[in-house]
């Protein structure tokens, strides 16, 4: 009995350690209007966690809460418990350090008015890195990981805003990676990206999974099927269902609304 108790305890501890994000009873309101109600879910270490659902389902608000963007949105009120590595992010004393560990890339690329090089080097500089050789290594590594290095290595001094839409999106990813986040969140990155570039970024995400946890909000259900280990379906501010991605996409959903959305009956 003692051995069994110890085994159970060890399993419990290992499960707890594998959680990267633990969200409990999360609700979000904008000026009193609900955007998300009572969402409970967890995101595990080194997984790609997909979130699908129609517009206005609360997906982007969910990411904003994880990244503490309520600080910059005066009418956004967050209630509930969000733990990152076991710590309550709403009790963190250093919000900016927290936000560097939970990076986010939104649908439309937002290039800083800087050169390609400085777009990627900015965060390392702010963290105290001044050595040019060290910065060079970081910039090259992040651009390579974002599948952009070969296209821009000969024009790093050009403005990032002069790149194509798909290149700017990958530059945004490289900039997020320069902070060495433990969690990378992407919100419908394919909106401003052509299909070929989309597939290149998907390949990058598959590789990055071994180094970090990825939360992927996508309006393309088949993209979730290609990439996500587990998928959550959001609808009208609720998390309707969470499950193994392949199970959800092979007709083993628990809720009819999930199946209907996956089959394209609404969206």
Protein backbone atom coordinates (compact mmCIF):
# COMPACT_ATOMS: atom_id res chain seq x y z
CA UNK A 1 0.00 0.00 0.00
CA UNK A 2 2.86 2.34 0.80
CA UNK A 3 4.49 1.61 -2.56
CA UNK A 4 1.20 2.23 -4.36
CA UNK A 5 0.73 5.51 -2.51
CA UNK A 6 4.23 6.64 -3.46
CA UNK A 7 3.66 5.65 -7.07
CA UNK A 8 0.41 7.61 -7.21
CA UNK A 9 2.13 10.60 -5.65
CA UNK A 10 4.97 10.42 -8.17
CA UNK A 11 2.53 10.27 -11.08
CA UNK A 12 0.67 13.27 -9.68
CA UNK A 13 3.91 15.22 -9.31
CA UNK A 14 5.05 14.34 -12.83
CA UNK A 15 1.69 15.41 -14.26
CA UNK A 16 1.88 18.72 -12.41
CA UNK A 17 5.43 19.29 -13.63
CA UNK A 18 4.39 18.67 -17.24
CA UNK A 19 1.89 21.54 -17.15
CA UNK A 20 3.11 24.78 -18.64
CA UNK A 21 -0.12 26.74 -18.31
CA UNK A 22 -2.96 25.93 -15.97
CA UNK A 23 -6.12 28.00 -16.50
CA UNK A 24 -9.04 27.79 -14.10
CA UNK A 25 -12.43 29.52 -14.30
CA UNK A 26 -11.15 32.28 -16.60
CA UNK A 27 -13.66 34.98 -17.51
CA UNK A 28 -12.99 38.14 -19.50
CA UNK A 29 -15.22 41.19 -19.90
CA UNK A 30 -14.82 44.37 -21.94
CA UNK A 31 -16.74 47.26 -20.39
CA UNK A 32 -18.94 44.69 -18.70
CA UNK A 33 -19.65 42.74 -21.89
CA UNK A 34 -18.52 39.10 -21.61
CA UNK A 35 -15.96 37.81 -24.11
CA UNK A 36 -15.02 34.61 -22.30
CA UNK A 37 -16.84 32.75 -19.55
CA UNK A 38 -15.50 30.23 -17.05
CA UNK A 39 -12.81 28.60 -19.21
CA UNK A 40 -10.78 25.84 -17.61
CA UNK A 41 -7.97 24.07 -19.46
CA UNK A 42 -4.28 23.24 -19.29
CA UNK A 43 -1.43 23.45 -21.79
CA UNK A 44 1.36 20.93 -21.45
CA UNK A 45 5.07 21.36 -21.86
CA UNK A 46 6.45 20.91 -25.40
CA UNK A 47 3.09 20.43 -27.06
CA UNK A 48 1.32 22.38 -29.76
CA UNK A 49 -2.06 23.26 -28.31
CA UNK A 50 -4.57 24.27 -30.98
CA UNK A 51 -7.58 26.52 -30.44
CA UNK A 52 -10.28 26.62 -33.11
CA UNK A 53 -13.65 28.31 -33.32
CA UNK A 54 -15.58 30.96 -35.25
CA UNK A 55 -15.10 34.72 -34.95
CA UNK A 56 -16.00 36.28 -31.60
CA UNK A 57 -15.54 33.00 -29.78
CA UNK A 58 -13.05 34.54 -27.33
CA UNK A 59 -9.88 33.00 -28.75
CA UNK A 60 -7.83 36.21 -29.03
CA UNK A 61 -9.05 37.42 -25.63
CA UNK A 62 -7.75 34.16 -24.18
CA UNK A 63 -4.27 34.84 -25.57
CA UNK A 64 -4.35 38.42 -24.33
CA UNK A 65 -5.08 37.24 -20.80
CA UNK A 66 -2.16 34.79 -20.91
CA UNK A 67 0.16 37.58 -22.05
CA UNK A 68 -1.19 40.09 -19.46
CA UNK A 69 -2.34 42.49 -22.16
CA UNK A 70 -5.12 43.64 -19.86
CA UNK A 71 -2.48 46.06 -18.59
CA UNK A 72 -2.78 47.95 -21.86
CA UNK A 73 -6.54 47.59 -22.34
CA UNK A 74 -8.35 49.81 -19.85
CA UNK A 75 -11.80 48.26 -20.34
CA UNK A 76 -10.58 44.64 -20.12
CA UNK A 77 -11.33 42.84 -16.85
CA UNK A 78 -9.91 39.39 -16.18
CA UNK A 79 -11.17 37.02 -13.49
CA UNK A 80 -10.00 33.54 -12.64
CA UNK A 81 -6.68 31.81 -12.11
CA UNK A 82 -3.85 31.51 -14.66
CA UNK A 83 -0.69 29.71 -13.59
CA UNK A 84 2.52 29.61 -15.61
CA UNK A 85 5.01 27.01 -14.34
CA UNK A 86 2.84 26.83 -11.24
CA UNK A 87 2.92 30.55 -10.47
CA UNK A 88 -0.08 32.88 -10.59
CA UNK A 89 0.72 35.31 -13.43
CA UNK A 90 -1.62 37.92 -11.96
CA UNK A 91 0.56 38.09 -8.86
CA UNK A 92 3.79 38.53 -10.78
CA UNK A 93 5.86 41.53 -9.71
CA UNK A 94 7.67 41.80 -13.03
CA UNK A 95 5.05 41.76 -15.78
CA UNK A 96 7.54 42.61 -18.53
CA UNK A 97 9.77 39.66 -17.63
CA UNK A 98 6.69 37.45 -17.66
CA UNK A 99 5.61 38.72 -21.07
CA UNK A 100 9.05 37.98 -22.50
CA UNK A 101 8.63 34.35 -21.43
CA UNK A 102 5.18 34.11 -23.01
CA UNK A 103 5.60 35.54 -26.51
CA UNK A 104 2.71 36.29 -28.82
CA UNK A 105 2.40 36.85 -32.58
CA UNK A 106 -0.86 38.41 -33.76
CA UNK A 107 -2.58 37.96 -37.16
CA UNK A 108 -1.19 40.99 -38.97
CA UNK A 109 2.58 41.50 -38.73
CA UNK A 110 3.59 44.58 -36.80
CA UNK A 111 7.11 45.51 -37.85
CA UNK A 112 8.94 47.99 -35.69
CA UNK A 113 10.26 51.06 -37.61
CA UNK A 114 13.73 49.54 -37.51
CA UNK A 115 16.04 47.56 -39.75
CA UNK A 116 15.59 43.83 -40.07
CA UNK A 117 18.62 43.35 -37.83
CA UNK A 118 17.40 45.74 -35.14
CA UNK A 119 13.90 44.25 -35.15
CA UNK A 120 15.43 41.01 -33.90
CA UNK A 121 18.26 42.50 -31.81
CA UNK A 122 16.03 44.89 -29.86
CA UNK A 123 14.89 42.48 -27.13
CA UNK A 124 18.40 41.07 -26.51
CA UNK A 125 19.73 44.65 -26.31
CA UNK A 126 17.04 45.56 -23.76
CA UNK A 127 18.03 42.51 -21.72
CA UNK A 128 21.58 43.85 -21.48
CA UNK A 129 23.43 42.21 -24.38
CA UNK A 130 25.72 44.76 -26.02
CA UNK A 131 28.42 42.65 -27.67
CA UNK A 132 28.01 42.90 -31.46
CA UNK A 133 29.31 39.39 -32.13
CA UNK A 134 26.84 37.93 -29.62
CA UNK A 135 23.98 39.91 -31.14
CA UNK A 136 24.98 38.74 -34.62
CA UNK A 137 24.68 35.12 -33.50
CA UNK A 138 21.27 35.72 -31.92
CA UNK A 139 19.91 37.54 -34.99
CA UNK A 140 21.09 34.85 -37.39
CA UNK A 141 19.78 32.03 -35.20
CA UNK A 142 16.33 33.60 -34.79
CA UNK A 143 15.99 34.43 -38.47
CA UNK A 144 17.00 30.89 -39.38
CA UNK A 145 14.48 29.43 -36.95
CA UNK A 146 11.82 31.63 -38.52
CA UNK A 147 12.80 30.39 -42.02
CA UNK A 148 13.80 33.89 -43.10
CA UNK A 149 17.60 34.06 -42.92
CA UNK A 150 18.36 32.96 -46.47
CA UNK A 151 16.01 35.61 -47.87
CA UNK A 152 17.31 38.58 -45.89
CA UNK A 153 20.90 37.83 -44.87
CA UNK A 154 22.27 40.21 -47.52
CA UNK A 155 20.02 43.14 -46.52
CA UNK A 156 19.86 43.14 -42.76
CA UNK A 157 20.24 46.93 -42.74
CA UNK A 158 17.04 47.39 -44.78
CA UNK A 159 13.83 48.41 -43.06
CA UNK A 160 11.72 45.50 -41.91
CA UNK A 161 8.62 47.33 -43.15
CA UNK A 162 9.86 46.91 -46.74
CA UNK A 163 9.56 43.14 -46.59
CA UNK A 164 6.59 41.30 -48.09
CA UNK A 165 3.65 40.42 -45.85
CA UNK A 166 4.79 36.83 -45.39
CA UNK A 167 8.35 37.92 -44.67
CA UNK A 168 7.15 40.47 -42.13
CA UNK A 169 5.15 37.77 -40.38
CA UNK A 170 8.23 35.60 -40.15
CA UNK A 171 10.22 38.62 -38.92
CA UNK A 172 7.63 39.03 -36.18
CA UNK A 173 8.15 35.38 -35.24
CA UNK A 174 11.93 35.87 -35.23
CA UNK A 175 11.50 38.89 -32.97
CA UNK A 176 9.37 36.85 -30.57
CA UNK A 177 11.96 34.06 -30.58
CA UNK A 178 14.75 36.53 -29.74
CA UNK A 179 13.26 36.78 -26.25
CA UNK A 180 13.75 33.03 -25.83
CA UNK A 181 10.15 32.45 -24.71
CA UNK A 182 9.03 29.29 -22.99
CA UNK A 183 5.60 29.65 -24.58
CA UNK A 184 5.00 30.98 -28.10
CA UNK A 185 1.42 31.94 -28.93
CA UNK A 186 0.30 32.55 -32.51
CA UNK A 187 -3.04 34.08 -33.40
CA UNK A 188 -4.15 33.15 -36.93
CA UNK A 189 -0.72 33.82 -38.42
CA UNK A 190 -1.90 32.58 -41.84
CA UNK A 191 -4.25 35.51 -42.50
CA UNK A 192 -1.58 37.70 -44.14
CA UNK A 193 0.57 34.85 -45.47
CA UNK A 194 0.49 32.98 -48.77
CA UNK A 195 0.03 29.17 -48.76
CA UNK A 196 3.69 28.39 -49.51
CA UNK A 197 4.91 30.60 -46.65
CA UNK A 198 2.22 29.14 -44.39
CA UNK A 199 3.62 25.65 -44.94
CA UNK A 200 7.16 26.92 -44.25
CA UNK A 201 6.05 28.44 -40.95
CA UNK A 202 4.22 25.22 -40.07
CA UNK A 203 7.46 23.29 -40.59
CA UNK A 204 9.22 25.77 -38.29
CA UNK A 205 6.59 25.28 -35.58
CA UNK A 206 7.00 21.50 -35.72
CA UNK A 207 10.72 21.95 -35.07
CA UNK A 208 10.23 24.54 -32.32
CA UNK A 209 7.96 22.19 -30.36
CA UNK A 210 11.02 20.37 -29.03
CA UNK A 211 12.23 23.64 -27.47
CA UNK A 212 9.06 25.33 -26.25
CA UNK A 213 5.32 25.11 -25.82
CA UNK A 214 3.18 26.52 -28.64
CA UNK A 215 -0.40 27.76 -28.42
CA UNK A 216 -1.88 28.05 -31.90
CA UNK A 217 -5.13 29.89 -32.57
CA UNK A 218 -6.18 29.16 -36.12
CA UNK A 219 -9.18 29.78 -38.36
CA UNK A 220 -8.04 26.85 -40.52
CA UNK A 221 -9.29 23.65 -38.92
CA UNK A 222 -7.03 21.49 -41.09
CA UNK A 223 -4.04 23.49 -39.88
CA UNK A 224 -4.95 22.48 -36.33
CA UNK A 225 -5.16 18.88 -37.49
CA UNK A 226 -1.71 19.07 -39.10
CA UNK A 227 0.02 20.71 -36.16
CA UNK A 228 -1.77 20.38 -32.83
CA UNK A 229 -1.30 17.58 -30.33
CA UNK A 230 -4.52 18.59 -28.60
CA UNK A 231 -7.23 20.99 -29.74
CA UNK A 232 -9.81 23.10 -27.92
CA UNK A 233 -13.01 24.29 -29.56
CA UNK A 234 -14.25 27.73 -28.48
CA UNK A 235 -17.77 28.95 -29.21
CA UNK A 236 -19.57 32.07 -27.98
CA UNK A 237 -17.08 32.70 -25.21
CA UNK A 238 -16.99 29.13 -23.93
CA UNK A 239 -14.51 26.31 -24.23
CA UNK A 240 -16.90 23.66 -25.52
CA UNK A 241 -14.51 20.74 -25.82
CA UNK A 242 -10.85 19.76 -25.55
CA UNK A 243 -9.41 16.55 -26.89
CA UNK A 244 -6.69 14.72 -28.71
CA UNK A 245 -6.61 16.35 -32.14
CA UNK A 246 -6.81 13.18 -34.18
CA UNK A 247 -9.75 11.95 -32.12
CA UNK A 248 -11.66 15.18 -32.70
CA UNK A 249 -11.00 15.02 -36.42
CA UNK A 250 -12.02 11.40 -36.80
CA UNK A 251 -15.55 11.81 -35.48
CA UNK A 252 -14.92 11.12 -31.80
CA UNK A 253 -16.12 14.47 -30.49
CA UNK A 254 -18.26 14.73 -27.38
CA UNK A 255 -20.29 17.72 -28.53
CA UNK A 256 -22.26 17.97 -31.78
CA UNK A 257 -21.31 21.64 -32.19
CA UNK A 258 -17.63 20.64 -32.30
CA UNK A 259 -18.29 18.11 -35.03
CA UNK A 260 -20.42 20.57 -36.98
CA UNK A 261 -17.69 23.21 -36.87
CA UNK A 262 -14.97 20.78 -37.94
CA UNK A 263 -17.14 19.65 -40.85
CA UNK A 264 -17.64 23.29 -41.93
CA UNK A 265 -21.37 23.44 -41.23
CA UNK A 266 -20.84 26.86 -39.64
CA UNK A 267 -17.93 29.17 -38.98
